[in-house]
């Protein structure tokens, strides 16, 4: 399934080296964007990888979907409730409270 980038505009192509590294970090983690957002989203300070286009469409779709979830408090909370234990959920929410 291709996820449209909600911030669609002309994208700069990512260079091949970072693409390979990003694939290791995200796709090869074995986590879907939803699970990654739930388990690690609270550790991400900012995210701008969706400002690029990628030759690897699987990577591009993963990044665009993660960005969509990461920027939506409702989607992020839904993912947390679905994929985290009550203790993990509490920790994620508490770590992002100001």
PDB file of N, CA and C in Angstrom:
ATOM      1  N   UNK A   1       0.846  -1.175   0.000  1.00  0.00           N
ATOM      2  CA  UNK A   1       0.000   0.000   0.000  1.00  0.00           C
ATOM      3  C   UNK A   1       0.889   1.235   0.000  1.00  0.00           C
ATOM      4  N   UNK A   2       0.649   2.147  -0.874  1.00  0.00           N
ATOM      5  CA  UNK A   2       1.400   3.397  -0.905  1.00  0.00           C
ATOM      6  C   UNK A   2       0.699   4.423  -0.041  1.00  0.00           C
ATOM      7  N   UNK A   3       1.431   5.034   0.855  1.00  0.00           N
ATOM      8  CA  UNK A   3       0.879   6.072   1.698  1.00  0.00           C
ATOM      9  C   UNK A   3       1.227   7.422   1.109  1.00  0.00           C
ATOM     10  N   UNK A   4       0.240   8.245   0.865  1.00  0.00           N
ATOM     11  CA  UNK A   4       0.546   9.572   0.333  1.00  0.00           C
ATOM     12  C   UNK A   4       1.218  10.407   1.409  1.00  0.00           C
ATOM     13  N   UNK A   5       2.129  11.215   0.993  1.00  0.00           N
ATOM     14  CA  UNK A   5       2.774  12.116   1.931  1.00  0.00           C
ATOM     15  C   UNK A   5       1.842  13.287   2.151  1.00  0.00           C
ATOM     16  N   UNK A   6       1.386  13.503   3.398  1.00  0.00           N
ATOM     17  CA  UNK A   6       0.461  14.607   3.654  1.00  0.00           C
ATOM     18  C   UNK A   6       1.102  15.978   3.436  1.00  0.00           C
ATOM     19  N   UNK A   7       2.392  16.017   3.317  1.00  0.00           N
ATOM     20  CA  UNK A   7       3.098  17.277   3.110  1.00  0.00           C
ATOM     21  C   UNK A   7       3.668  17.306   1.701  1.00  0.00           C
ATOM     22  N   UNK A   8       2.889  16.757   0.762  1.00  0.00           N
ATOM     23  CA  UNK A   8       3.362  16.583  -0.618  1.00  0.00           C
ATOM     24  C   UNK A   8       3.775  17.910  -1.239  1.00  0.00           C
ATOM     25  N   UNK A   9       4.931  17.893  -1.804  1.00  0.00           N
ATOM     26  CA  UNK A   9       5.495  18.980  -2.599  1.00  0.00           C
ATOM     27  C   UNK A   9       6.701  18.374  -3.299  1.00  0.00           C
ATOM     28  N   UNK A  10       7.317  19.107  -4.160  1.00  0.00           N
ATOM     29  CA  UNK A  10       8.480  18.564  -4.860  1.00  0.00           C
ATOM     30  C   UNK A  10       9.515  18.126  -3.828  1.00  0.00           C
ATOM     31  N   UNK A  11       9.948  16.904  -3.943  1.00  0.00           N
ATOM     32  CA  UNK A  11      10.890  16.339  -2.976  1.00  0.00           C
ATOM     33  C   UNK A  11      12.280  16.250  -3.571  1.00  0.00           C
ATOM     34  N   UNK A  12      13.247  16.530  -2.727  1.00  0.00           N
ATOM     35  CA  UNK A  12      14.642  16.327  -3.123  1.00  0.00           C
ATOM     36  C   UNK A  12      14.928  14.837  -3.018  1.00  0.00           C
ATOM     37  N   UNK A  13      15.610  14.271  -4.013  1.00  0.00           N
ATOM     38  CA  UNK A  13      15.952  12.852  -3.882  1.00  0.00           C
ATOM     39  C   UNK A  13      17.008  12.645  -2.802  1.00  0.00           C
ATOM     40  N   UNK A  14      16.824  11.609  -2.025  1.00  0.00           N
ATOM     41  CA  UNK A  14      17.821  11.252  -1.026  1.00  0.00           C
ATOM     42  C   UNK A  14      18.994  10.595  -1.735  1.00  0.00           C
ATOM     43  N   UNK A  15      20.175  10.758  -1.181  1.00  0.00           N
ATOM     44  CA  UNK A  15      21.336  10.119  -1.808  1.00  0.00           C
ATOM     45  C   UNK A  15      21.353   8.633  -1.451  1.00  0.00           C
ATOM     46  N   UNK A  16      21.965   7.808  -2.279  1.00  0.00           N
ATOM     47  CA  UNK A  16      21.954   6.352  -2.057  1.00  0.00           C
ATOM     48  C   UNK A  16      22.558   5.910  -0.728  1.00  0.00           C
ATOM     49  N   UNK A  17      23.632   6.557  -0.269  1.00  0.00           N
ATOM     50  CA  UNK A  17      24.240   6.117   0.990  1.00  0.00           C
ATOM     51  C   UNK A  17      23.271   6.277   2.158  1.00  0.00           C
ATOM     52  N   UNK A  18      22.692   7.460   2.366  1.00  0.00           N
ATOM     53  CA  UNK A  18      21.743   7.556   3.475  1.00  0.00           C
ATOM     54  C   UNK A  18      20.547   6.619   3.312  1.00  0.00           C
ATOM     55  N   UNK A  19      20.138   6.380   2.069  1.00  0.00           N
ATOM     56  CA  UNK A  19      19.012   5.473   1.860  1.00  0.00           C
ATOM     57  C   UNK A  19      19.330   4.081   2.399  1.00  0.00           C
ATOM     58  N   UNK A  20      20.531   3.603   2.129  1.00  0.00           N
ATOM     59  CA  UNK A  20      20.931   2.284   2.626  1.00  0.00           C
ATOM     60  C   UNK A  20      20.979   2.269   4.152  1.00  0.00           C
ATOM     61  N   UNK A  21      21.490   3.334   4.737  1.00  0.00           N
ATOM     62  CA  UNK A  21      21.544   3.424   6.198  1.00  0.00           C
ATOM     63  C   UNK A  21      20.143   3.493   6.790  1.00  0.00           C
ATOM     64  N   UNK A  22      19.272   4.287   6.191  1.00  0.00           N
ATOM     65  CA  UNK A  22      17.904   4.402   6.680  1.00  0.00           C
ATOM     66  C   UNK A  22      17.185   3.058   6.601  1.00  0.00           C
ATOM     67  N   UNK A  23      17.437   2.337   5.558  1.00  0.00           N
ATOM     68  CA  UNK A  23      16.828   1.007   5.414  1.00  0.00           C
ATOM     69  C   UNK A  23      17.256   0.111   6.583  1.00  0.00           C
ATOM     70  N   UNK A  24      18.536   0.171   6.960  1.00  0.00           N
ATOM     71  CA  UNK A  24      19.015  -0.623   8.099  1.00  0.00           C
ATOM     72  C   UNK A  24      18.292  -0.223   9.379  1.00  0.00           C
ATOM     73  N   UNK A  25      18.137   1.075   9.592  1.00  0.00           N
ATOM     74  CA  UNK A  25      17.538   1.561  10.832  1.00  0.00           C
ATOM     75  C   UNK A  25      16.046   1.273  10.921  1.00  0.00           C
ATOM     76  N   UNK A  26      15.342   1.424   9.814  1.00  0.00           N
ATOM     77  CA  UNK A  26      13.885   1.343   9.867  1.00  0.00           C
ATOM     78  C   UNK A  26      13.327   0.024   9.324  1.00  0.00           C
ATOM     79  N   UNK A  27      13.513  -0.262   8.071  1.00  0.00           N
ATOM     80  CA  UNK A  27      12.950  -1.475   7.479  1.00  0.00           C
ATOM     81  C   UNK A  27      13.538  -2.713   8.144  1.00  0.00           C
ATOM     82  N   UNK A  28      14.846  -2.756   8.295  1.00  0.00           N
ATOM     83  CA  UNK A  28      15.502  -3.928   8.857  1.00  0.00           C
ATOM     84  C   UNK A  28      15.274  -4.085  10.360  1.00  0.00           C
ATOM     85  N   UNK A  29      14.664  -3.086  10.993  1.00  0.00           N
ATOM     86  CA  UNK A  29      14.322  -3.221  12.409  1.00  0.00           C
ATOM     87  C   UNK A  29      13.242  -4.276  12.594  1.00  0.00           C
ATOM     88  N   UNK A  30      12.526  -4.573  11.498  1.00  0.00           N
ATOM     89  CA  UNK A  30      11.442  -5.549  11.578  1.00  0.00           C
ATOM     90  C   UNK A  30      10.158  -4.979  12.137  1.00  0.00           C
ATOM     91  N   UNK A  31      10.165  -3.694  12.458  1.00  0.00           N
ATOM     92  CA  UNK A  31       8.983  -3.052  13.023  1.00  0.00           C
ATOM     93  C   UNK A  31       8.240  -2.279  11.940  1.00  0.00           C
ATOM     94  N   UNK A  32       6.941  -2.375  11.956  1.00  0.00           N
ATOM     95  CA  UNK A  32       6.134  -1.553  11.060  1.00  0.00           C
ATOM     96  C   UNK A  32       6.227  -0.099  11.532  1.00  0.00           C
ATOM     97  N   UNK A  33       5.842   0.857  10.694  1.00  0.00           N
ATOM     98  CA  UNK A  33       5.847   2.255  11.147  1.00  0.00           C
ATOM     99  C   UNK A  33       4.959   2.455  12.379  1.00  0.00           C
ATOM    100  N   UNK A  34       3.871   1.707  12.439  1.00  0.00           N
ATOM    101  CA  UNK A  34       2.949   1.835  13.570  1.00  0.00           C
ATOM    102  C   UNK A  34       3.595   1.368  14.879  1.00  0.00           C
ATOM    103  N   UNK A  35       4.245   0.219  14.827  1.00  0.00           N
ATOM    104  CA  UNK A  35       4.898  -0.314  16.031  1.00  0.00           C
ATOM    105  C   UNK A  35       6.103   0.543  16.401  1.00  0.00           C
ATOM    106  N   UNK A  36       6.868   0.958  15.408  1.00  0.00           N
ATOM    107  CA  UNK A  36       8.034   1.807  15.664  1.00  0.00           C
ATOM    108  C   UNK A  36       7.590   3.108  16.337  1.00  0.00           C
ATOM    109  N   UNK A  37       6.530   3.708  15.816  1.00  0.00           N
ATOM    110  CA  UNK A  37       6.023   4.962  16.406  1.00  0.00           C
ATOM    111  C   UNK A  37       5.581   4.730  17.848  1.00  0.00           C
ATOM    112  N   UNK A  38       4.895   3.623  18.082  1.00  0.00           N
ATOM    113  CA  UNK A  38       4.427   3.330  19.433  1.00  0.00           C
ATOM    114  C   UNK A  38       5.583   3.120  20.397  1.00  0.00           C
ATOM    115  N   UNK A  39       6.553   2.314  19.990  1.00  0.00           N
ATOM    116  CA  UNK A  39       7.645   1.937  20.885  1.00  0.00           C
ATOM    117  C   UNK A  39       8.768   2.964  20.979  1.00  0.00           C
ATOM    118  N   UNK A  40       8.994   3.725  19.898  1.00  0.00           N
ATOM    119  CA  UNK A  40      10.156   4.613  19.876  1.00  0.00           C
ATOM    120  C   UNK A  40       9.838   6.065  19.528  1.00  0.00           C
ATOM    121  N   UNK A  41       8.602   6.340  19.184  1.00  0.00           N
ATOM    122  CA  UNK A  41       8.244   7.699  18.773  1.00  0.00           C
ATOM    123  C   UNK A  41       8.549   8.758  19.818  1.00  0.00           C
ATOM    124  N   UNK A  42       8.409   8.397  21.088  1.00  0.00           N
ATOM    125  CA  UNK A  42       8.681   9.364  22.157  1.00  0.00           C
ATOM    126  C   UNK A  42      10.175   9.665  22.304  1.00  0.00           C
ATOM    127  N   UNK A  43      11.018   8.889  21.636  1.00  0.00           N
ATOM    128  CA  UNK A  43      12.463   9.121  21.688  1.00  0.00           C
ATOM    129  C   UNK A  43      12.957   9.985  20.525  1.00  0.00           C
ATOM    130  N   UNK A  44      12.069  10.267  19.578  1.00  0.00           N
ATOM    131  CA  UNK A  44      12.423  11.044  18.390  1.00  0.00           C
ATOM    132  C   UNK A  44      12.181  12.517  18.691  1.00  0.00           C
ATOM    133  N   UNK A  45      13.234  13.318  18.598  1.00  0.00           N
ATOM    134  CA  UNK A  45      13.096  14.743  18.882  1.00  0.00           C
ATOM    135  C   UNK A  45      12.404  15.495  17.764  1.00  0.00           C
ATOM    136  N   UNK A  46      12.780  15.196  16.551  1.00  0.00           N
ATOM    137  CA  UNK A  46      12.144  15.789  15.370  1.00  0.00           C
ATOM    138  C   UNK A  46      12.356  14.822  14.215  1.00  0.00           C
ATOM    139  N   UNK A  47      11.550  14.969  13.171  1.00  0.00           N
ATOM    140  CA  UNK A  47      11.612  14.023  12.063  1.00  0.00           C
ATOM    141  C   UNK A  47      11.348  14.773  10.771  1.00  0.00           C
ATOM    142  N   UNK A  48      12.312  14.737   9.859  1.00  0.00           N
ATOM    143  CA  UNK A  48      12.140  15.445   8.586  1.00  0.00           C
ATOM    144  C   UNK A  48      12.501  14.581   7.382  1.00  0.00           C
ATOM    145  N   UNK A  49      12.633  13.287   7.586  1.00  0.00           N
ATOM    146  CA  UNK A  49      13.026  12.416   6.480  1.00  0.00           C
ATOM    147  C   UNK A  49      11.967  12.352   5.382  1.00  0.00           C
ATOM    148  N   UNK A  50      10.750  12.742   5.715  1.00  0.00           N
ATOM    149  CA  UNK A  50       9.694  12.736   4.702  1.00  0.00           C
ATOM    150  C   UNK A  50       9.788  13.938   3.764  1.00  0.00           C
ATOM    151  N   UNK A  51      10.806  14.753   3.924  1.00  0.00           N
ATOM    152  CA  UNK A  51      11.029  15.871   3.002  1.00  0.00           C
ATOM    153  C   UNK A  51      11.788  15.423   1.752  1.00  0.00           C
ATOM    154  N   UNK A  52      12.119  14.145   1.678  1.00  0.00           N
ATOM    155  CA  UNK A  52      12.885  13.601   0.559  1.00  0.00           C
ATOM    156  C   UNK A  52      12.079  12.530  -0.162  1.00  0.00           C
ATOM    157  N   UNK A  53      12.460  12.290  -1.404  1.00  0.00           N
ATOM    158  CA  UNK A  53      11.913  11.145  -2.131  1.00  0.00           C
ATOM    159  C   UNK A  53      13.000  10.067  -2.147  1.00  0.00           C
ATOM    160  N   UNK A  54      12.574   8.828  -2.248  1.00  0.00           N
ATOM    161  CA  UNK A  54      13.494   7.712  -2.162  1.00  0.00           C
ATOM    162  C   UNK A  54      13.303   6.769  -3.348  1.00  0.00           C
ATOM    163  N   UNK A  55      14.405   6.250  -3.863  1.00  0.00           N
ATOM    164  CA  UNK A  55      14.332   5.274  -4.945  1.00  0.00           C
ATOM    165  C   UNK A  55      13.697   3.986  -4.442  1.00  0.00           C
ATOM    166  N   UNK A  56      13.931   3.668  -3.191  1.00  0.00           N
ATOM    167  CA  UNK A  56      13.387   2.473  -2.550  1.00  0.00           C
ATOM    168  C   UNK A  56      11.957   2.801  -2.095  1.00  0.00           C
ATOM    169  N   UNK A  57      10.973   2.329  -2.830  1.00  0.00           N
ATOM    170  CA  UNK A  57       9.585   2.693  -2.510  1.00  0.00           C
ATOM    171  C   UNK A  57       9.119   2.101  -1.183  1.00  0.00           C
ATOM    172  N   UNK A  58       9.636   0.943  -0.811  1.00  0.00           N
ATOM    173  CA  UNK A  58       9.269   0.380   0.490  1.00  0.00           C
ATOM    174  C   UNK A  58       9.742   1.305   1.614  1.00  0.00           C
ATOM    175  N   UNK A  59      10.968   1.784   1.507  1.00  0.00           N
ATOM    176  CA  UNK A  59      11.501   2.721   2.488  1.00  0.00           C
ATOM    177  C   UNK A  59      10.704   4.023   2.479  1.00  0.00           C
ATOM    178  N   UNK A  60      10.432   4.545   1.298  1.00  0.00           N
ATOM    179  CA  UNK A  60       9.664   5.793   1.202  1.00  0.00           C
ATOM    180  C   UNK A  60       8.297   5.650   1.860  1.00  0.00           C
ATOM    181  N   UNK A  61       7.592   4.565   1.575  1.00  0.00           N
ATOM    182  CA  UNK A  61       6.280   4.361   2.185  1.00  0.00           C
ATOM    183  C   UNK A  61       6.380   4.247   3.698  1.00  0.00           C
ATOM    184  N   UNK A  62       7.415   3.549   4.178  1.00  0.00           N
ATOM    185  CA  UNK A  62       7.619   3.398   5.621  1.00  0.00           C
ATOM    186  C   UNK A  62       7.824   4.773   6.259  1.00  0.00           C
ATOM    187  N   UNK A  63       8.716   5.560   5.676  1.00  0.00           N
ATOM    188  CA  UNK A  63       9.033   6.888   6.225  1.00  0.00           C
ATOM    189  C   UNK A  63       7.818   7.802   6.203  1.00  0.00           C
ATOM    190  N   UNK A  64       7.101   7.829   5.092  1.00  0.00           N
ATOM    191  CA  UNK A  64       5.925   8.696   4.994  1.00  0.00           C
ATOM    192  C   UNK A  64       4.844   8.285   5.992  1.00  0.00           C
ATOM    193  N   UNK A  65       4.663   6.991   6.176  1.00  0.00           N
ATOM    194  CA  UNK A  65       3.660   6.527   7.138  1.00  0.00           C
ATOM    195  C   UNK A  65       4.083   6.867   8.562  1.00  0.00           C
ATOM    196  N   UNK A  66       5.360   6.647   8.897  1.00  0.00           N
ATOM    197  CA  UNK A  66       5.831   7.007  10.228  1.00  0.00           C
ATOM    198  C   UNK A  66       5.630   8.501  10.474  1.00  0.00           C
ATOM    199  N   UNK A  67       5.967   9.334   9.508  1.00  0.00           N
ATOM    200  CA  UNK A  67       5.807  10.784   9.659  1.00  0.00           C
ATOM    201  C   UNK A  67       4.348  11.149   9.901  1.00  0.00           C
ATOM    202  N   UNK A  68       3.457  10.493   9.185  1.00  0.00           N
ATOM    203  CA  UNK A  68       2.026  10.755   9.370  1.00  0.00           C
ATOM    204  C   UNK A  68       1.606  10.444  10.810  1.00  0.00           C
ATOM    205  N   UNK A  69       2.047   9.316  11.323  1.00  0.00           N
ATOM    206  CA  UNK A  69       1.706   8.919  12.695  1.00  0.00           C
ATOM    207  C   UNK A  69       2.387   9.845  13.700  1.00  0.00           C
ATOM    208  N   UNK A  70       3.669  10.084  13.505  1.00  0.00           N
ATOM    209  CA  UNK A  70       4.465  10.891  14.430  1.00  0.00           C
ATOM    210  C   UNK A  70       3.883  12.296  14.609  1.00  0.00           C
ATOM    211  N   UNK A  71       3.330  12.854  13.554  1.00  0.00           N
ATOM    212  CA  UNK A  71       2.806  14.218  13.602  1.00  0.00           C
ATOM    213  C   UNK A  71       1.343  14.313  14.007  1.00  0.00           C
ATOM    214  N   UNK A  72       0.724  13.188  14.234  1.00  0.00           N
ATOM    215  CA  UNK A  72      -0.689  13.173  14.628  1.00  0.00           C
ATOM    216  C   UNK A  72      -0.817  12.613  16.039  1.00  0.00           C
ATOM    217  N   UNK A  73      -1.106  13.469  17.008  1.00  0.00           N
ATOM    218  CA  UNK A  73      -1.255  12.960  18.375  1.00  0.00           C
ATOM    219  C   UNK A  73      -2.293  11.839  18.484  1.00  0.00           C
ATOM    220  N   UNK A  74      -3.361  11.935  17.702  1.00  0.00           N
ATOM    221  CA  UNK A  74      -4.406  10.912  17.754  1.00  0.00           C
ATOM    222  C   UNK A  74      -3.907   9.573  17.207  1.00  0.00           C
ATOM    223  N   UNK A  75      -3.255   9.600  16.040  1.00  0.00           N
ATOM    224  CA  UNK A  75      -2.721   8.359  15.475  1.00  0.00           C
ATOM    225  C   UNK A  75      -1.645   7.760  16.367  1.00  0.00           C
ATOM    226  N   UNK A  76      -0.775   8.606  16.906  1.00  0.00           N
ATOM    227  CA  UNK A  76       0.288   8.120  17.773  1.00  0.00           C
ATOM    228  C   UNK A  76      -0.295   7.461  19.021  1.00  0.00           C
ATOM    229  N   UNK A  77      -1.289   8.091  19.611  1.00  0.00           N
ATOM    230  CA  UNK A  77      -1.908   7.520  20.801  1.00  0.00           C
ATOM    231  C   UNK A  77      -2.613   6.206  20.476  1.00  0.00           C
ATOM    232  N   UNK A  78      -3.270   6.133  19.317  1.00  0.00           N
ATOM    233  CA  UNK A  78      -3.911   4.882  18.904  1.00  0.00           C
ATOM    234  C   UNK A  78      -2.883   3.757  18.786  1.00  0.00           C
ATOM    235  N   UNK A  79      -1.729   4.056  18.177  1.00  0.00           N
ATOM    236  CA  UNK A  79      -0.674   3.051  18.035  1.00  0.00           C
ATOM    237  C   UNK A  79      -0.129   2.633  19.395  1.00  0.00           C
ATOM    238  N   UNK A  80       0.058   3.588  20.268  1.00  0.00           N
ATOM    239  CA  UNK A  80       0.557   3.255  21.609  1.00  0.00           C
ATOM    240  C   UNK A  80      -0.416   2.332  22.337  1.00  0.00           C
ATOM    241  N   UNK A  81      -1.695   2.662  22.276  1.00  0.00           N
ATOM    242  CA  UNK A  81      -2.696   1.837  22.965  1.00  0.00           C
ATOM    243  C   UNK A  81      -2.754   0.436  22.377  1.00  0.00           C
ATOM    244  N   UNK A  82      -2.537   0.334  21.092  1.00  0.00           N
ATOM    245  CA  UNK A  82      -2.633  -0.960  20.422  1.00  0.00           C
ATOM    246  C   UNK A  82      -1.405  -1.850  20.654  1.00  0.00           C
ATOM    247  N   UNK A  83      -0.211  -1.246  20.692  1.00  0.00           N
ATOM    248  CA  UNK A  83       1.023  -2.047  20.669  1.00  0.00           C
ATOM    249  C   UNK A  83       1.833  -2.047  21.969  1.00  0.00           C
ATOM    250  N   UNK A  84       1.490  -1.218  22.924  1.00  0.00           N
ATOM    251  CA  UNK A  84       2.284  -1.147  24.151  1.00  0.00           C
ATOM    252  C   UNK A  84       1.558  -1.785  25.328  1.00  0.00           C
ATOM    253  N   UNK A  85       2.331  -2.263  26.266  1.00  0.00           N
ATOM    254  CA  UNK A  85       1.759  -2.713  27.533  1.00  0.00           C
ATOM    255  C   UNK A  85       1.321  -1.475  28.302  1.00  0.00           C
ATOM    256  N   UNK A  86       0.487  -1.621  29.325  1.00  0.00           N
ATOM    257  CA  UNK A  86       0.096  -0.439  30.111  1.00  0.00           C
ATOM    258  C   UNK A  86       1.299   0.316  30.687  1.00  0.00           C
ATOM    259  N   UNK A  87       2.318  -0.406  31.137  1.00  0.00           N
ATOM    260  CA  UNK A  87       3.512   0.249  31.680  1.00  0.00           C
ATOM    261  C   UNK A  87       4.292   0.999  30.619  1.00  0.00           C
ATOM    262  N   UNK A  88       4.447   0.376  29.438  1.00  0.00           N
ATOM    263  CA  UNK A  88       5.140   1.048  28.334  1.00  0.00           C
ATOM    264  C   UNK A  88       4.369   2.286  27.884  1.00  0.00           C
ATOM    265  N   UNK A  89       3.052   2.171  27.841  1.00  0.00           N
ATOM    266  CA  UNK A  89       2.211   3.301  27.444  1.00  0.00           C
ATOM    267  C   UNK A  89       2.410   4.467  28.412  1.00  0.00           C
ATOM    268  N   UNK A  90       2.337   4.174  29.688  1.00  0.00           N
ATOM    269  CA  UNK A  90       2.501   5.208  30.716  1.00  0.00           C
ATOM    270  C   UNK A  90       3.865   5.879  30.574  1.00  0.00           C
ATOM    271  N   UNK A  91       4.920   5.073  30.375  1.00  0.00           N
ATOM    272  CA  UNK A  91       6.266   5.621  30.230  1.00  0.00           C
ATOM    273  C   UNK A  91       6.378   6.528  28.995  1.00  0.00           C
ATOM    274  N   UNK A  92       5.799   6.107  27.875  1.00  0.00           N
ATOM    275  CA  UNK A  92       5.862   6.904  26.650  1.00  0.00           C
ATOM    276  C   UNK A  92       5.129   8.228  26.833  1.00  0.00           C
ATOM    277  N   UNK A  93       3.957   8.166  27.422  1.00  0.00           N
ATOM    278  CA  UNK A  93       3.156   9.391  27.621  1.00  0.00           C
ATOM    279  C   UNK A  93       3.848  10.331  28.606  1.00  0.00           C
ATOM    280  N   UNK A  94       4.340   9.789  29.706  1.00  0.00           N
ATOM    281  CA  UNK A  94       4.992  10.614  30.727  1.00  0.00           C
ATOM    282  C   UNK A  94       6.275  11.255  30.193  1.00  0.00           C
ATOM    283  N   UNK A  95       6.979  10.567  29.307  1.00  0.00           N
ATOM    284  CA  UNK A  95       8.232  11.123  28.800  1.00  0.00           C
ATOM    285  C   UNK A  95       8.004  12.267  27.812  1.00  0.00           C
ATOM    286  N   UNK A  96       6.792  12.407  27.318  1.00  0.00           N
ATOM    287  CA  UNK A  96       6.513  13.488  26.368  1.00  0.00           C
ATOM    288  C   UNK A  96       5.713  14.625  26.993  1.00  0.00           C
ATOM    289  N   UNK A  97       5.340  14.479  28.246  1.00  0.00           N
ATOM    290  CA  UNK A  97       4.595  15.558  28.916  1.00  0.00           C
ATOM    291  C   UNK A  97       5.538  16.707  29.243  1.00  0.00           C
ATOM    292  N   UNK A  98       5.010  17.884  29.075  1.00  0.00           N
ATOM    293  CA  UNK A  98       5.827  19.085  29.367  1.00  0.00           C
ATOM    294  C   UNK A  98       5.512  19.593  30.742  1.00  0.00           C
TER     295      UNK A  98
END
